[in-house]
Amino acid sequence: MLIVISPAKSLDYGSPAKTRRFTEPEFLRDSQQLVNLLKKLTPGDFSELMHISAKLGELNHGRYLNWHTPFDLKNAKQAIFAFKGDVYIGLEAEQFTTADLNFAQKHLRILSGLYGLLRPLDLMQPYRLEMGSSFAYKQGINERGKSLYAFWDSKLTRNLNALQASEKNPILINLASKEYFSAIKPNELDADVITPVFKDFSGGQYRVLSFFAKKARGAMSAYIIKNRIARPEKLKDFAGDGYRYSAADSTDSRFVFLRKQH
């Protein structure tokens, strides 16, 4: 069973990682190709491409100018400790034991616009590049297409298939956002996909509230990792942050968890 999650815009390169163990991203050559393209952009181009402020445009322009290989612990950080968004608040990777990290390294993958798929201990240098970013406004800048979906094409799906090639009943737990999971091609995926959905009672009905749902996706990932879960039925026992599985609202591929108060 594999888990996929989204990356985060917020990064932490100031505090030390819990371990000095690391691996190298599998698609680093593809990342280099993207970086070579991104280095041609101006700070204003970054602001336009990513819909960010001029200040953030300058920041990310500098990040790509400084991006270089080889990666080491002086110029990069393990992905699971570098990302610091809502999902990672719920994940609490700093609390993982060595055994937890070993399990996560085998069963958790982080989807990334720049790096494709990251294992938890893969080193990465700071970046910002949402999977939904388009290069269409710069004619010819991306020879593989006008979006990152076109750039990565089926490569990420094939990688996930290879990871579970020996499994009799491969399962993919989708804890990523729609933007990022759209980089996976369901028709080419050799696995059953289960998508947990987290809803809070608000305004008289249950609905997905972004901040809480992202945090819950991280907490669900940690639950799977810490409990070494291999069967999807066990996900229904998840009760983190007060969420409870609702059989009435769920299907075989969509597990719905509800919470009345937060």
Foldseek 3Di string as FASTA:
>chain_A
DAEEAEFAQAWDPDDDDPDQDADAQPPVVLLVLVLVLLLVDDLVVQCVQVVHDSVVSVVQNVQSVPDDDDDHNVQWFFRLRTGDALLSLLQVCSPDDPQLLVLQQLHYWYADLRRGIHGRRHIDGDHDDFQAGFQVVPPPSQPQDGGSLSSCPAVSQVVQCVSCVVPPAAEYEYLYDPSRCSSHDVVSHPHQAAYEFEWECDPNRTDGDPSVSSSVSSNLVNVCSVVVDDDPVCSQVDQPPRWHWDPVPADPRYTYTYHYDD
